[in-house]
N, C-alpha and C. Protein backbone atom coordinates (compact mmCIF):
# COMPACT_ATOMS: atom_id res chain seq x y z
N GLY A 1 116.40 -11.62 -69.71
CA GLY A 1 115.68 -12.15 -68.70
C GLY A 1 115.12 -11.18 -67.71
N GLY A 2 115.67 -9.92 -67.77
CA GLY A 2 115.23 -8.97 -66.77
C GLY A 2 113.88 -8.43 -67.08
N ALA A 3 113.54 -8.43 -68.38
CA ALA A 3 112.25 -7.87 -68.73
C ALA A 3 111.15 -8.83 -68.35
N CYS A 4 111.49 -10.06 -68.48
CA CYS A 4 110.51 -11.09 -68.14
C CYS A 4 110.24 -11.04 -66.65
N TYR A 5 111.35 -10.85 -65.89
CA TYR A 5 111.21 -10.79 -64.46
C TYR A 5 110.40 -9.59 -64.07
N SER A 6 110.62 -8.49 -64.75
CA SER A 6 109.91 -7.29 -64.38
C SER A 6 108.46 -7.39 -64.83
N GLY A 7 108.16 -8.09 -65.93
CA GLY A 7 106.76 -8.27 -66.36
C GLY A 7 106.06 -9.18 -65.40
N MET A 8 106.83 -10.14 -64.91
CA MET A 8 106.25 -11.03 -63.96
C MET A 8 105.98 -10.31 -62.64
N ARG A 9 106.90 -9.48 -62.34
CA ARG A 9 106.77 -8.72 -61.13
C ARG A 9 105.55 -7.83 -61.21
N VAL A 10 105.29 -7.24 -62.33
CA VAL A 10 104.13 -6.37 -62.53
C VAL A 10 102.86 -7.22 -62.41
N ALA A 11 102.90 -8.42 -63.00
CA ALA A 11 101.73 -9.29 -62.95
C ALA A 11 101.47 -9.72 -61.52
N ILE A 12 102.59 -10.06 -60.82
CA ILE A 12 102.43 -10.47 -59.43
C ILE A 12 101.91 -9.30 -58.61
N ASP A 13 102.45 -8.13 -58.86
CA ASP A 13 102.00 -6.93 -58.13
C ASP A 13 100.52 -6.63 -58.43
N ARG A 14 100.14 -6.80 -59.71
CA ARG A 14 98.75 -6.56 -60.08
C ARG A 14 97.84 -7.59 -59.38
N ARG A 15 98.34 -8.84 -59.43
CA ARG A 15 97.55 -9.90 -58.79
C ARG A 15 97.44 -9.61 -57.30
N ALA A 16 98.54 -9.18 -56.67
CA ALA A 16 98.53 -8.86 -55.25
C ALA A 16 97.60 -7.67 -54.99
N GLU A 17 97.68 -6.69 -55.91
CA GLU A 17 96.82 -5.51 -55.79
C GLU A 17 95.37 -5.92 -55.91
N ARG A 18 95.09 -6.80 -56.90
CA ARG A 18 93.72 -7.30 -57.08
C ARG A 18 93.27 -8.06 -55.84
N GLN A 19 94.19 -8.87 -55.27
CA GLN A 19 93.87 -9.65 -54.07
C GLN A 19 93.59 -8.71 -52.90
N ARG A 20 94.38 -7.65 -52.80
CA ARG A 20 94.15 -6.66 -51.76
C ARG A 20 92.80 -6.01 -51.94
N HIS A 21 92.44 -5.71 -53.20
CA HIS A 21 91.11 -5.13 -53.49
C HIS A 21 90.02 -6.11 -53.12
N VAL A 22 90.22 -7.38 -53.48
CA VAL A 22 89.23 -8.42 -53.14
C VAL A 22 89.14 -8.55 -51.63
N ASP A 23 90.31 -8.61 -50.97
CA ASP A 23 90.31 -8.70 -49.51
C ASP A 23 89.64 -7.48 -48.88
N ARG A 24 89.99 -6.31 -49.43
CA ARG A 24 89.39 -5.06 -48.92
C ARG A 24 87.88 -5.10 -49.17
N PHE A 25 87.46 -5.54 -50.35
CA PHE A 25 86.03 -5.63 -50.69
C PHE A 25 85.32 -6.61 -49.75
N GLU A 26 85.97 -7.77 -49.52
CA GLU A 26 85.39 -8.75 -48.62
C GLU A 26 85.32 -8.20 -47.21
N HIS A 27 86.39 -7.47 -46.81
CA HIS A 27 86.39 -6.87 -45.48
C HIS A 27 85.27 -5.83 -45.36
N ILE A 28 85.12 -4.99 -46.37
CA ILE A 28 84.06 -3.98 -46.36
C ILE A 28 82.70 -4.65 -46.40
N THR A 29 82.56 -5.69 -47.23
CA THR A 29 81.30 -6.42 -47.31
C THR A 29 80.97 -7.04 -45.96
N GLU A 30 82.00 -7.68 -45.33
CA GLU A 30 81.80 -8.27 -44.00
C GLU A 30 81.42 -7.21 -42.99
N HIS A 31 82.10 -6.06 -43.07
CA HIS A 31 81.78 -4.95 -42.16
C HIS A 31 80.36 -4.46 -42.40
N ILE A 32 79.96 -4.35 -43.65
CA ILE A 32 78.58 -3.92 -43.97
C ILE A 32 77.57 -4.93 -43.43
N LYS A 33 77.89 -6.24 -43.62
CA LYS A 33 77.00 -7.27 -43.11
C LYS A 33 76.89 -7.19 -41.60
N ASP A 34 78.03 -7.05 -40.91
CA ASP A 34 78.03 -6.96 -39.45
C ASP A 34 77.27 -5.72 -38.99
N THR A 35 77.58 -4.60 -39.65
CA THR A 35 76.90 -3.35 -39.29
C THR A 35 75.41 -3.46 -39.57
N SER A 36 75.04 -4.07 -40.71
CA SER A 36 73.63 -4.25 -41.05
C SER A 36 72.95 -5.15 -40.04
N ALA A 37 73.65 -6.24 -39.65
CA ALA A 37 73.08 -7.15 -38.66
C ALA A 37 72.91 -6.42 -37.32
N ALA A 38 73.93 -5.64 -36.93
CA ALA A 38 73.85 -4.88 -35.68
C ALA A 38 72.70 -3.87 -35.74
N LEU A 39 72.56 -3.18 -36.89
CA LEU A 39 71.48 -2.20 -37.04
C LEU A 39 70.12 -2.88 -37.02
N GLN A 40 70.04 -4.05 -37.70
CA GLN A 40 68.77 -4.79 -37.68
C GLN A 40 68.43 -5.26 -36.28
N LYS A 41 69.46 -5.73 -35.53
CA LYS A 41 69.22 -6.17 -34.15
C LYS A 41 68.81 -4.97 -33.31
N ARG A 42 69.49 -3.85 -33.51
CA ARG A 42 69.16 -2.63 -32.76
C ARG A 42 67.74 -2.18 -33.11
N ALA A 43 67.39 -2.23 -34.41
CA ALA A 43 66.03 -1.86 -34.83
C ALA A 43 65.01 -2.81 -34.23
N ALA A 44 65.33 -4.10 -34.22
CA ALA A 44 64.41 -5.09 -33.63
C ALA A 44 64.27 -4.85 -32.13
N ASP A 45 65.42 -4.57 -31.45
CA ASP A 45 65.35 -4.27 -30.02
C ASP A 45 64.53 -3.02 -29.75
N GLU A 46 64.75 -1.99 -30.58
CA GLU A 46 63.98 -0.75 -30.41
C GLU A 46 62.50 -0.99 -30.68
N GLU A 47 62.19 -1.82 -31.70
CA GLU A 47 60.80 -2.16 -32.00
C GLU A 47 60.18 -2.93 -30.84
N GLU A 48 60.96 -3.87 -30.28
CA GLU A 48 60.48 -4.63 -29.14
C GLU A 48 60.26 -3.71 -27.93
N ALA A 49 61.20 -2.79 -27.73
CA ALA A 49 61.06 -1.83 -26.62
C ALA A 49 59.86 -0.93 -26.86
N ARG A 50 59.66 -0.50 -28.13
CA ARG A 50 58.51 0.35 -28.47
C ARG A 50 57.21 -0.41 -28.21
N ARG A 51 57.19 -1.67 -28.64
CA ARG A 51 55.99 -2.49 -28.41
C ARG A 51 55.77 -2.70 -26.91
N ALA A 52 56.86 -2.90 -26.19
CA ALA A 52 56.74 -3.08 -24.74
C ALA A 52 56.20 -1.79 -24.11
N ARG A 53 56.74 -0.62 -24.55
CA ARG A 53 56.21 0.65 -24.03
C ARG A 53 54.76 0.83 -24.42
N PHE A 54 54.43 0.47 -25.66
CA PHE A 54 53.05 0.57 -26.14
C PHE A 54 52.15 -0.36 -25.32
N GLY A 55 52.63 -1.59 -25.09
CA GLY A 55 51.86 -2.54 -24.29
C GLY A 55 51.69 -2.05 -22.86
N HIS A 56 52.76 -1.48 -22.30
CA HIS A 56 52.68 -0.94 -20.94
C HIS A 56 51.70 0.23 -20.89
N ALA A 57 51.80 1.10 -21.90
CA ALA A 57 50.87 2.24 -21.95
C ALA A 57 49.44 1.75 -22.12
N ALA A 58 49.24 0.77 -22.98
CA ALA A 58 47.90 0.22 -23.17
C ALA A 58 47.39 -0.42 -21.89
N THR A 59 48.29 -1.11 -21.17
CA THR A 59 47.90 -1.72 -19.89
C THR A 59 47.50 -0.64 -18.89
N LEU A 60 48.29 0.43 -18.83
CA LEU A 60 47.95 1.52 -17.91
C LEU A 60 46.62 2.17 -18.28
N ILE A 61 46.42 2.38 -19.58
CA ILE A 61 45.16 2.99 -20.02
C ILE A 61 43.98 2.07 -19.70
N ASN A 62 44.15 0.77 -19.99
CA ASN A 62 43.07 -0.19 -19.67
C ASN A 62 42.81 -0.24 -18.17
N ALA A 63 43.88 -0.25 -17.38
CA ALA A 63 43.71 -0.30 -15.92
C ALA A 63 42.99 0.96 -15.44
N GLY A 64 43.39 2.10 -16.00
CA GLY A 64 42.72 3.35 -15.62
C GLY A 64 41.26 3.35 -16.03
N ALA A 65 41.00 2.85 -17.24
CA ALA A 65 39.61 2.80 -17.71
C ALA A 65 38.79 1.83 -16.87
N ARG A 66 39.36 0.66 -16.57
CA ARG A 66 38.64 -0.30 -15.73
C ARG A 66 38.39 0.29 -14.35
N GLY A 67 39.38 0.98 -13.81
CA GLY A 67 39.20 1.61 -12.50
C GLY A 67 38.11 2.67 -12.55
N HIS A 68 38.14 3.47 -13.61
CA HIS A 68 37.13 4.53 -13.76
C HIS A 68 35.75 3.91 -13.91
N LEU A 69 35.65 2.91 -14.79
CA LEU A 69 34.35 2.25 -14.98
C LEU A 69 33.91 1.55 -13.71
N GLY A 70 34.84 0.91 -13.02
CA GLY A 70 34.50 0.24 -11.76
C GLY A 70 34.00 1.22 -10.72
N ARG A 71 34.66 2.39 -10.65
CA ARG A 71 34.19 3.40 -9.69
C ARG A 71 32.81 3.91 -10.09
N ASN A 72 32.58 4.11 -11.39
CA ASN A 72 31.26 4.55 -11.83
C ASN A 72 30.19 3.52 -11.53
N ILE A 73 30.50 2.25 -11.81
CA ILE A 73 29.53 1.18 -11.53
C ILE A 73 29.28 1.11 -10.02
N GLY A 74 30.33 1.19 -9.24
CA GLY A 74 30.18 1.16 -7.78
C GLY A 74 29.34 2.33 -7.29
N ARG A 75 29.58 3.51 -7.85
CA ARG A 75 28.80 4.69 -7.45
C ARG A 75 27.34 4.51 -7.84
N GLU A 76 27.09 4.00 -9.05
CA GLU A 76 25.71 3.77 -9.48
C GLU A 76 25.03 2.75 -8.57
N ARG A 77 25.74 1.69 -8.21
CA ARG A 77 25.15 0.68 -7.33
C ARG A 77 24.87 1.26 -5.95
N ARG A 78 25.80 2.09 -5.44
CA ARG A 78 25.55 2.72 -4.14
C ARG A 78 24.35 3.65 -4.22
N LEU A 79 24.24 4.42 -5.32
CA LEU A 79 23.09 5.31 -5.48
C LEU A 79 21.79 4.52 -5.59
N GLU A 80 21.81 3.42 -6.34
CA GLU A 80 20.61 2.59 -6.46
C GLU A 80 20.22 2.01 -5.11
N LYS A 81 21.22 1.55 -4.35
CA LYS A 81 20.94 0.99 -3.03
C LYS A 81 20.38 2.07 -2.11
N TRP A 82 20.99 3.26 -2.15
CA TRP A 82 20.52 4.36 -1.32
C TRP A 82 19.09 4.75 -1.71
N ALA A 83 18.80 4.80 -3.02
CA ALA A 83 17.45 5.13 -3.48
C ALA A 83 16.46 4.07 -3.02
N ALA A 84 16.85 2.80 -3.10
CA ALA A 84 15.96 1.73 -2.65
C ALA A 84 15.71 1.83 -1.16
N ILE A 85 16.76 2.15 -0.40
CA ILE A 85 16.59 2.30 1.06
C ILE A 85 15.66 3.48 1.35
N CYS A 86 15.84 4.58 0.62
CA CYS A 86 14.97 5.75 0.83
C CYS A 86 13.52 5.42 0.49
N MET A 87 13.31 4.70 -0.62
CA MET A 87 11.94 4.33 -0.99
C MET A 87 11.34 3.39 0.05
N GLN A 88 12.13 2.41 0.51
CA GLN A 88 11.63 1.50 1.53
C GLN A 88 11.30 2.26 2.82
N ARG A 89 12.16 3.19 3.19
CA ARG A 89 11.93 3.98 4.39
C ARG A 89 10.64 4.77 4.25
N HIS A 90 10.45 5.38 3.08
CA HIS A 90 9.24 6.17 2.85
C HIS A 90 8.00 5.28 2.89
N ILE A 91 8.05 4.15 2.20
CA ILE A 91 6.89 3.26 2.15
C ILE A 91 6.59 2.70 3.54
N ARG A 92 7.65 2.32 4.26
CA ARG A 92 7.42 1.83 5.63
C ARG A 92 6.82 2.91 6.50
N GLY A 93 7.27 4.15 6.31
CA GLY A 93 6.69 5.26 7.08
C GLY A 93 5.23 5.46 6.76
N VAL A 94 4.91 5.44 5.45
CA VAL A 94 3.50 5.60 5.04
C VAL A 94 2.66 4.46 5.59
N LEU A 95 3.15 3.23 5.42
CA LEU A 95 2.40 2.07 5.93
C LEU A 95 2.28 2.12 7.44
N GLY A 96 3.34 2.53 8.11
CA GLY A 96 3.30 2.64 9.57
C GLY A 96 2.28 3.68 10.02
N ARG A 97 2.27 4.82 9.34
CA ARG A 97 1.29 5.86 9.69
C ARG A 97 -0.13 5.39 9.41
N MET A 98 -0.30 4.65 8.30
CA MET A 98 -1.63 4.13 7.99
C MET A 98 -2.08 3.12 9.05
N LEU A 99 -1.17 2.24 9.46
CA LEU A 99 -1.50 1.26 10.50
C LEU A 99 -1.79 1.95 11.83
N ALA A 100 -1.01 2.97 12.16
CA ALA A 100 -1.24 3.70 13.40
C ALA A 100 -2.60 4.40 13.36
N GLU A 101 -2.92 4.97 12.20
CA GLU A 101 -4.23 5.62 12.05
C GLU A 101 -5.35 4.61 12.21
N GLU A 102 -5.19 3.42 11.63
CA GLU A 102 -6.21 2.37 11.78
C GLU A 102 -6.33 1.95 13.24
N GLU A 103 -5.20 1.83 13.92
CA GLU A 103 -5.23 1.46 15.33
C GLU A 103 -5.93 2.53 16.16
N ARG A 104 -5.69 3.81 15.85
CA ARG A 104 -6.39 4.89 16.56
C ARG A 104 -7.89 4.80 16.33
N TRP A 105 -8.29 4.50 15.08
CA TRP A 105 -9.71 4.39 14.78
C TRP A 105 -10.31 3.16 15.45
N LYS A 106 -9.53 2.10 15.61
CA LYS A 106 -10.04 0.91 16.30
C LYS A 106 -10.38 1.23 17.76
N LEU A 107 -9.58 2.13 18.36
CA LEU A 107 -9.82 2.47 19.76
C LEU A 107 -11.11 3.27 19.96
N VAL A 108 -11.50 4.06 18.95
CA VAL A 108 -12.68 4.92 19.12
C VAL A 108 -13.89 4.45 18.32
N ARG A 109 -13.80 3.35 17.62
CA ARG A 109 -14.91 2.93 16.77
C ARG A 109 -16.12 2.52 17.62
N VAL A 110 -17.26 2.64 16.99
CA VAL A 110 -18.54 2.39 17.66
C VAL A 110 -18.79 0.90 17.83
N ALA A 111 -18.51 0.14 16.79
CA ALA A 111 -18.79 -1.29 16.83
C ALA A 111 -17.51 -2.07 16.59
N PRO A 112 -17.35 -3.25 17.22
CA PRO A 112 -16.09 -3.99 17.10
C PRO A 112 -15.89 -4.67 15.74
N SER A 113 -16.96 -4.86 14.94
CA SER A 113 -16.80 -5.53 13.66
C SER A 113 -17.65 -4.82 12.60
N LYS A 114 -17.39 -5.14 11.36
CA LYS A 114 -18.17 -4.54 10.26
C LYS A 114 -19.62 -5.02 10.31
N TYR A 115 -19.79 -6.25 10.72
CA TYR A 115 -21.15 -6.80 10.81
C TYR A 115 -21.97 -6.03 11.84
N SER A 116 -21.41 -5.84 13.04
CA SER A 116 -22.16 -5.11 14.07
C SER A 116 -22.33 -3.64 13.68
N LEU A 117 -21.37 -3.08 12.95
CA LEU A 117 -21.52 -1.70 12.48
C LEU A 117 -22.67 -1.62 11.48
N ASN A 118 -22.81 -2.61 10.61
CA ASN A 118 -23.92 -2.61 9.66
C ASN A 118 -25.26 -2.75 10.38
N LEU A 119 -25.30 -3.56 11.43
CA LEU A 119 -26.52 -3.67 12.22
C LEU A 119 -26.90 -2.33 12.84
N MET A 120 -25.88 -1.62 13.38
CA MET A 120 -26.14 -0.30 13.96
C MET A 120 -26.60 0.67 12.89
N ARG A 121 -26.00 0.60 11.72
CA ARG A 121 -26.36 1.51 10.62
C ARG A 121 -27.82 1.27 10.21
N ILE A 122 -28.25 0.03 10.18
CA ILE A 122 -29.62 -0.30 9.77
C ILE A 122 -30.63 0.24 10.79
N ARG A 123 -30.36 0.10 12.09
CA ARG A 123 -31.34 0.52 13.09
C ARG A 123 -31.28 2.00 13.42
N SER A 124 -30.18 2.71 12.97
CA SER A 124 -30.03 4.13 13.28
C SER A 124 -30.63 4.99 12.18
N THR A 125 -30.93 6.22 12.56
CA THR A 125 -31.46 7.19 11.58
C THR A 125 -30.46 8.33 11.44
N ILE A 126 -30.31 8.81 10.19
CA ILE A 126 -29.39 9.91 9.91
C ILE A 126 -30.04 11.20 10.40
N THR A 127 -29.29 11.97 11.19
CA THR A 127 -29.81 13.25 11.67
C THR A 127 -29.12 14.43 11.00
N MET A 128 -27.86 14.26 10.56
CA MET A 128 -27.14 15.37 9.94
C MET A 128 -26.02 14.81 9.06
N GLU A 129 -25.69 15.56 7.99
CA GLU A 129 -24.60 15.16 7.10
C GLU A 129 -23.63 16.32 6.95
N ARG A 130 -22.34 16.02 6.88
CA ARG A 130 -21.31 17.05 6.68
C ARG A 130 -20.24 16.50 5.73
N GLY A 131 -19.67 17.39 4.92
CA GLY A 131 -18.58 17.01 4.01
C GLY A 131 -18.42 18.05 2.94
N PRO A 132 -17.60 17.78 1.94
CA PRO A 132 -17.41 18.73 0.85
C PRO A 132 -18.71 19.00 0.11
N LYS A 133 -18.89 20.23 -0.33
CA LYS A 133 -20.14 20.66 -0.96
C LYS A 133 -20.42 19.92 -2.27
N ASN A 134 -19.40 19.74 -3.11
CA ASN A 134 -19.62 19.18 -4.45
C ASN A 134 -19.56 17.65 -4.49
N GLU A 135 -19.16 17.03 -3.39
CA GLU A 135 -19.05 15.58 -3.37
C GLU A 135 -20.11 15.00 -2.44
N LYS A 136 -20.22 13.68 -2.45
CA LYS A 136 -21.12 13.00 -1.52
C LYS A 136 -20.66 13.32 -0.10
N MET A 137 -21.60 13.60 0.77
CA MET A 137 -21.23 13.96 2.13
C MET A 137 -20.49 12.80 2.79
N ASP A 138 -19.29 13.11 3.34
CA ASP A 138 -18.47 12.05 3.94
C ASP A 138 -19.01 11.63 5.30
N TRP A 139 -19.16 12.57 6.20
CA TRP A 139 -19.56 12.26 7.58
C TRP A 139 -21.06 12.41 7.74
N VAL A 140 -21.65 11.45 8.45
CA VAL A 140 -23.08 11.55 8.79
C VAL A 140 -23.21 11.34 10.30
N GLU A 141 -24.18 12.07 10.86
CA GLU A 141 -24.50 11.88 12.28
C GLU A 141 -25.72 10.98 12.33
N LEU A 142 -25.63 9.93 13.13
CA LEU A 142 -26.74 8.99 13.24
C LEU A 142 -27.19 8.91 14.69
N PHE A 143 -28.47 8.59 14.86
CA PHE A 143 -28.99 8.39 16.21
C PHE A 143 -29.36 6.93 16.34
N ASP A 144 -28.81 6.29 17.40
CA ASP A 144 -29.09 4.88 17.66
C ASP A 144 -30.12 4.78 18.77
N PRO A 145 -31.33 4.27 18.45
CA PRO A 145 -32.37 4.22 19.48
C PRO A 145 -32.07 3.17 20.57
N MET A 146 -31.27 2.18 20.27
CA MET A 146 -30.98 1.16 21.28
C MET A 146 -30.08 1.71 22.38
N THR A 147 -29.07 2.50 22.00
CA THR A 147 -28.16 3.09 23.00
C THR A 147 -28.62 4.48 23.41
N ASN A 148 -29.58 5.03 22.66
CA ASN A 148 -30.09 6.37 22.90
C ASN A 148 -28.94 7.39 22.85
N ALA A 149 -28.08 7.22 21.81
CA ALA A 149 -26.92 8.11 21.67
C ALA A 149 -26.68 8.41 20.19
N PHE A 150 -26.00 9.54 19.99
CA PHE A 150 -25.58 9.91 18.64
C PHE A 150 -24.22 9.28 18.37
N TRP A 151 -24.01 8.85 17.12
CA TRP A 151 -22.71 8.37 16.69
C TRP A 151 -22.45 8.85 15.28
N TYR A 152 -21.20 8.79 14.86
CA TYR A 152 -20.79 9.40 13.59
C TYR A 152 -20.11 8.37 12.71
N LEU A 153 -20.40 8.46 11.40
CA LEU A 153 -19.88 7.49 10.44
C LEU A 153 -19.32 8.22 9.23
N ASN A 154 -18.12 7.82 8.81
CA ASN A 154 -17.54 8.34 7.58
C ASN A 154 -17.88 7.34 6.48
N ARG A 155 -18.68 7.76 5.53
CA ARG A 155 -19.13 6.84 4.47
C ARG A 155 -17.98 6.40 3.55
N ARG A 156 -17.05 7.30 3.34
CA ARG A 156 -15.94 7.00 2.42
C ARG A 156 -14.96 6.00 3.03
N THR A 157 -14.56 6.20 4.29
CA THR A 157 -13.55 5.34 4.92
C THR A 157 -14.14 4.22 5.76
N GLY A 158 -15.38 4.38 6.20
CA GLY A 158 -15.99 3.36 7.06
C GLY A 158 -15.66 3.54 8.52
N HIS A 159 -14.96 4.63 8.88
CA HIS A 159 -14.63 4.88 10.28
C HIS A 159 -15.88 5.35 11.03
N SER A 160 -15.97 4.94 12.30
CA SER A 160 -17.10 5.36 13.13
C SER A 160 -16.56 5.80 14.48
N THR A 161 -17.30 6.70 15.12
CA THR A 161 -16.87 7.20 16.41
C THR A 161 -18.07 7.72 17.19
N TRP A 162 -17.93 7.71 18.52
CA TRP A 162 -18.98 8.28 19.36
C TRP A 162 -18.79 9.78 19.50
N THR A 163 -17.52 10.26 19.36
CA THR A 163 -17.26 11.69 19.50
C THR A 163 -17.38 12.37 18.14
N PRO A 164 -17.89 13.58 18.11
CA PRO A 164 -18.10 14.25 16.83
C PRO A 164 -16.78 14.57 16.13
N PRO A 165 -16.68 14.28 14.83
CA PRO A 165 -15.48 14.63 14.08
C PRO A 165 -15.46 16.12 13.75
N GLU A 166 -14.40 16.55 13.11
CA GLU A 166 -14.18 17.97 12.83
C GLU A 166 -15.32 18.65 12.07
N PRO A 167 -15.93 18.05 11.04
CA PRO A 167 -16.99 18.78 10.33
C PRO A 167 -18.19 19.14 11.22
N PHE A 168 -18.37 18.46 12.35
CA PHE A 168 -19.50 18.74 13.23
C PHE A 168 -19.14 19.67 14.38
N ASP A 169 -17.89 20.09 14.47
CA ASP A 169 -17.47 20.94 15.59
C ASP A 169 -18.25 22.24 15.65
N ALA A 170 -18.55 22.84 14.51
CA ALA A 170 -19.24 24.13 14.50
C ALA A 170 -20.65 24.01 15.06
N ASP A 171 -21.26 22.85 14.97
CA ASP A 171 -22.64 22.66 15.43
C ASP A 171 -22.72 22.29 16.91
N LEU A 172 -21.58 22.11 17.57
CA LEU A 172 -21.62 21.60 18.93
C LEU A 172 -21.72 22.66 20.01
N PHE A 173 -21.40 23.87 19.71
CA PHE A 173 -21.48 24.87 20.77
C PHE A 173 -22.70 25.76 20.54
N CYS A 174 -23.21 26.24 21.63
CA CYS A 174 -24.40 27.08 21.60
C CYS A 174 -24.05 28.45 22.14
N MET A 175 -24.76 29.42 21.71
CA MET A 175 -24.59 30.77 22.22
C MET A 175 -25.73 31.01 23.21
N TRP A 176 -25.44 30.74 24.48
CA TRP A 176 -26.45 30.92 25.52
C TRP A 176 -26.45 32.37 25.99
N GLU A 177 -27.59 32.80 26.23
CA GLU A 177 -27.71 34.12 26.86
C GLU A 177 -27.35 33.95 28.32
N PRO A 178 -26.64 34.91 28.88
CA PRO A 178 -26.31 34.76 30.29
C PRO A 178 -27.58 34.79 31.16
N TRP A 179 -27.50 34.10 32.29
CA TRP A 179 -28.64 34.10 33.21
C TRP A 179 -28.89 35.52 33.69
N PRO A 180 -30.12 35.80 33.73
CA PRO A 180 -30.40 37.17 34.28
C PRO A 180 -30.15 37.16 35.79
N TYR A 181 -29.36 38.10 36.19
CA TYR A 181 -29.07 38.21 37.62
C TYR A 181 -30.10 39.18 38.23
N PRO A 182 -30.62 38.85 39.39
CA PRO A 182 -31.60 39.76 39.99
C PRO A 182 -31.02 41.05 40.48
């Protein structure tokens, strides 16, 4: 009976050994599963953190780009506004000078209206013409028999005046001989 007991003992020991191997295998398998799950969770957390960092970096880059573009657009708009103001200032200056020039000519003109100026032109005779050599003479000196006076007309601009304009200045002075003293 002792051999049977010892064979049984060997079988029980083998079965126990096999069970220990199975238990050990299950324990290792469970440990691998837990470790794998932990690693997968860690990898997912790291991926989420990487995506969050990437998203934050992308947000910063977009914000910087929007800020840069916004500053450029703002600068362009300021420059356009400044250019428009400069052009308006220049045009207003030119128009203002033109209006002032017209007002000055209104003060010295011969006739108060174009109609009366045309009437004077018809009854007057041209006595002298002055202007650029190669172009039509701009200024003409006319004599009005009704007023018995000379007046001047610019054919190009239509301005008229009783006082001689610049082209006639050279003809206005005389070289008189001094009076002989006794």
